[in-house]
C-alpha cells in the first residue's frame, strides 16, 4: 500500500499546481528551456555510450 494517504496526495498535487500557476509565464518558459538543454540526446538515453564510441571510431578511420 502507498505511504501517502489520498488526502496528502491531493494536497501535494494542489500545491504543485498552484505553485506552477503563480509563476510568471516568462519564468516558466525559462525553466522549461533549461530542462530541455540539460536533457541528454536521444541516442545517449536509449543506447548509452555505444553510438558515440561507434561514430568516433568511424571518424578516426576517415
N, C-alpha and C. Protein backbone atom coordinates (compact mmCIF):
# COMPACT_ATOMS: atom_id res chain seq x y z
N UNK A 1 0.84 -1.18 0.00
CA UNK A 1 0.00 0.00 0.00
C UNK A 1 0.90 1.25 0.00
N UNK A 2 0.41 2.28 -0.59
CA UNK A 2 1.16 3.53 -0.70
C UNK A 2 1.34 4.18 0.66
N UNK A 3 2.48 4.86 0.81
CA UNK A 3 2.73 5.54 2.08
C UNK A 3 1.98 6.86 2.18
N UNK A 4 1.62 7.45 1.02
CA UNK A 4 0.85 8.70 1.03
C UNK A 4 -0.64 8.39 1.11
N UNK A 5 -1.31 9.05 1.97
CA UNK A 5 -2.78 8.92 2.05
C UNK A 5 -3.37 9.75 0.92
N UNK A 6 -4.58 9.46 0.56
CA UNK A 6 -5.24 10.16 -0.53
C UNK A 6 -5.30 11.65 -0.27
N UNK A 7 -5.60 12.05 0.95
CA UNK A 7 -5.69 13.46 1.29
C UNK A 7 -4.34 14.15 1.12
N UNK A 8 -3.26 13.49 1.54
CA UNK A 8 -1.91 14.05 1.39
C UNK A 8 -1.55 14.20 -0.08
N UNK A 9 -1.94 13.22 -0.88
CA UNK A 9 -1.64 13.26 -2.31
C UNK A 9 -2.36 14.42 -2.99
N UNK A 10 -3.62 14.60 -2.67
CA UNK A 10 -4.40 15.71 -3.24
C UNK A 10 -3.80 17.04 -2.82
N UNK A 11 -3.38 17.14 -1.57
CA UNK A 11 -2.75 18.37 -1.06
C UNK A 11 -1.46 18.66 -1.83
N UNK A 12 -0.64 17.64 -2.05
CA UNK A 12 0.63 17.80 -2.78
C UNK A 12 0.38 18.26 -4.22
N UNK A 13 -0.55 17.59 -4.90
CA UNK A 13 -0.86 17.96 -6.29
C UNK A 13 -1.39 19.39 -6.35
N UNK A 14 -2.26 19.76 -5.44
CA UNK A 14 -2.81 21.12 -5.41
C UNK A 14 -1.72 22.15 -5.20
N UNK A 15 -0.81 21.90 -4.26
CA UNK A 15 0.29 22.83 -4.02
C UNK A 15 1.18 22.96 -5.25
N UNK A 16 1.45 21.86 -5.92
CA UNK A 16 2.30 21.89 -7.11
C UNK A 16 1.65 22.69 -8.22
N UNK A 17 0.37 22.48 -8.43
CA UNK A 17 -0.35 23.21 -9.50
C UNK A 17 -0.41 24.70 -9.18
N UNK A 18 -0.72 25.06 -7.94
CA UNK A 18 -0.80 26.46 -7.55
C UNK A 18 0.57 27.13 -7.69
N UNK A 19 1.61 26.43 -7.30
CA UNK A 19 2.96 26.98 -7.42
C UNK A 19 3.30 27.23 -8.89
N UNK A 20 2.92 26.31 -9.77
CA UNK A 20 3.16 26.46 -11.20
C UNK A 20 2.39 27.65 -11.76
N UNK A 21 1.14 27.77 -11.38
CA UNK A 21 0.30 28.85 -11.91
C UNK A 21 0.77 30.22 -11.40
N UNK A 22 1.30 30.28 -10.18
CA UNK A 22 1.76 31.55 -9.63
C UNK A 22 3.02 32.08 -10.29
N UNK A 23 3.77 31.22 -10.96
CA UNK A 23 4.99 31.68 -11.63
C UNK A 23 4.62 32.51 -12.86
N UNK A 24 5.39 33.54 -13.14
CA UNK A 24 5.15 34.30 -14.37
C UNK A 24 5.43 33.43 -15.60
N UNK A 25 4.76 33.74 -16.67
CA UNK A 25 4.89 32.95 -17.90
C UNK A 25 6.33 32.89 -18.40
N UNK A 26 7.04 34.02 -18.35
CA UNK A 26 8.42 34.06 -18.82
C UNK A 26 9.32 33.13 -18.00
N UNK A 27 9.09 33.11 -16.70
CA UNK A 27 9.89 32.24 -15.82
C UNK A 27 9.63 30.77 -16.14
N UNK A 28 8.37 30.43 -16.41
CA UNK A 28 8.04 29.05 -16.77
C UNK A 28 8.74 28.64 -18.06
N UNK A 29 8.77 29.56 -19.02
CA UNK A 29 9.44 29.27 -20.29
C UNK A 29 10.94 29.07 -20.09
N UNK A 30 11.56 29.91 -19.24
CA UNK A 30 12.99 29.78 -18.97
C UNK A 30 13.30 28.44 -18.31
N UNK A 31 12.47 28.03 -17.36
CA UNK A 31 12.68 26.75 -16.67
C UNK A 31 12.53 25.59 -17.65
N UNK A 32 11.53 25.67 -18.51
CA UNK A 32 11.30 24.62 -19.50
C UNK A 32 12.49 24.52 -20.47
N UNK A 33 13.01 25.67 -20.91
CA UNK A 33 14.15 25.69 -21.83
C UNK A 33 15.40 25.13 -21.15
N UNK A 34 15.61 25.48 -19.88
CA UNK A 34 16.78 24.97 -19.15
C UNK A 34 16.70 23.45 -19.00
N UNK A 35 15.51 22.94 -18.73
CA UNK A 35 15.33 21.49 -18.61
C UNK A 35 15.62 20.79 -19.92
N UNK A 36 15.19 21.42 -21.03
CA UNK A 36 15.42 20.86 -22.35
C UNK A 36 16.92 20.77 -22.65
N UNK A 37 17.66 21.82 -22.28
CA UNK A 37 19.10 21.86 -22.56
C UNK A 37 19.87 20.85 -21.71
N UNK A 38 19.38 20.58 -20.50
CA UNK A 38 20.05 19.62 -19.63
C UNK A 38 19.83 18.18 -20.07
N UNK A 39 18.76 17.94 -20.77
CA UNK A 39 18.39 16.59 -21.17
C UNK A 39 19.41 16.03 -22.16
N UNK A 40 19.76 14.76 -21.97
CA UNK A 40 20.71 14.12 -22.87
C UNK A 40 20.02 13.80 -24.18
N UNK A 41 20.81 13.60 -25.22
CA UNK A 41 20.26 13.30 -26.53
C UNK A 41 19.57 11.95 -26.58
N UNK A 42 18.77 11.78 -27.62
CA UNK A 42 18.01 10.55 -27.80
C UNK A 42 18.90 9.32 -27.84
N UNK A 43 19.95 9.36 -28.62
CA UNK A 43 20.82 8.19 -28.77
C UNK A 43 21.48 7.82 -27.45
N UNK A 44 21.90 8.80 -26.70
CA UNK A 44 22.56 8.52 -25.41
C UNK A 44 21.57 7.95 -24.40
N UNK A 45 20.37 8.48 -24.37
CA UNK A 45 19.36 7.97 -23.42
C UNK A 45 18.99 6.53 -23.71
N UNK A 46 18.86 6.19 -24.99
CA UNK A 46 18.40 4.85 -25.34
C UNK A 46 19.52 3.82 -25.44
N UNK A 47 20.70 4.24 -25.87
CA UNK A 47 21.75 3.27 -26.14
C UNK A 47 23.04 3.51 -25.37
N UNK A 48 23.09 4.50 -24.52
CA UNK A 48 24.28 4.75 -23.72
C UNK A 48 25.41 5.33 -24.57
N UNK A 49 26.61 4.92 -24.28
CA UNK A 49 27.79 5.47 -24.95
C UNK A 49 28.08 4.82 -26.30
N UNK A 50 27.45 3.72 -26.61
CA UNK A 50 27.77 2.98 -27.84
C UNK A 50 27.68 3.81 -29.12
N UNK A 51 26.64 4.60 -29.36
CA UNK A 51 26.60 5.39 -30.60
C UNK A 51 27.76 6.38 -30.70
N UNK A 52 28.14 6.99 -29.56
CA UNK A 52 29.22 7.96 -29.59
C UNK A 52 30.56 7.28 -29.86
N UNK A 53 30.77 6.13 -29.25
CA UNK A 53 32.01 5.38 -29.49
C UNK A 53 32.07 4.96 -30.95
N UNK A 54 30.98 4.45 -31.47
CA UNK A 54 30.92 3.99 -32.86
C UNK A 54 31.21 5.13 -33.83
N UNK A 55 30.58 6.29 -33.63
CA UNK A 55 30.82 7.42 -34.54
C UNK A 55 32.24 7.95 -34.41
N UNK A 56 32.80 7.95 -33.22
CA UNK A 56 34.17 8.43 -33.07
C UNK A 56 35.16 7.49 -33.74
N UNK A 57 34.92 6.19 -33.68
CA UNK A 57 35.78 5.22 -34.36
C UNK A 57 35.69 5.43 -35.87
N UNK A 58 34.48 5.65 -36.37
CA UNK A 58 34.32 5.88 -37.81
C UNK A 58 35.02 7.17 -38.26
N UNK A 59 34.96 8.20 -37.43
CA UNK A 59 35.62 9.46 -37.77
C UNK A 59 37.14 9.31 -37.78
N UNK A 60 37.68 8.51 -36.88
CA UNK A 60 39.13 8.30 -36.84
C UNK A 60 39.62 7.55 -38.07
N UNK A 61 38.82 6.61 -38.57
CA UNK A 61 39.23 5.82 -39.74
C UNK A 61 39.27 6.67 -40.99
N UNK A 62 38.49 7.71 -41.05
CA UNK A 62 38.46 8.57 -42.25
C UNK A 62 39.62 9.45 -42.25
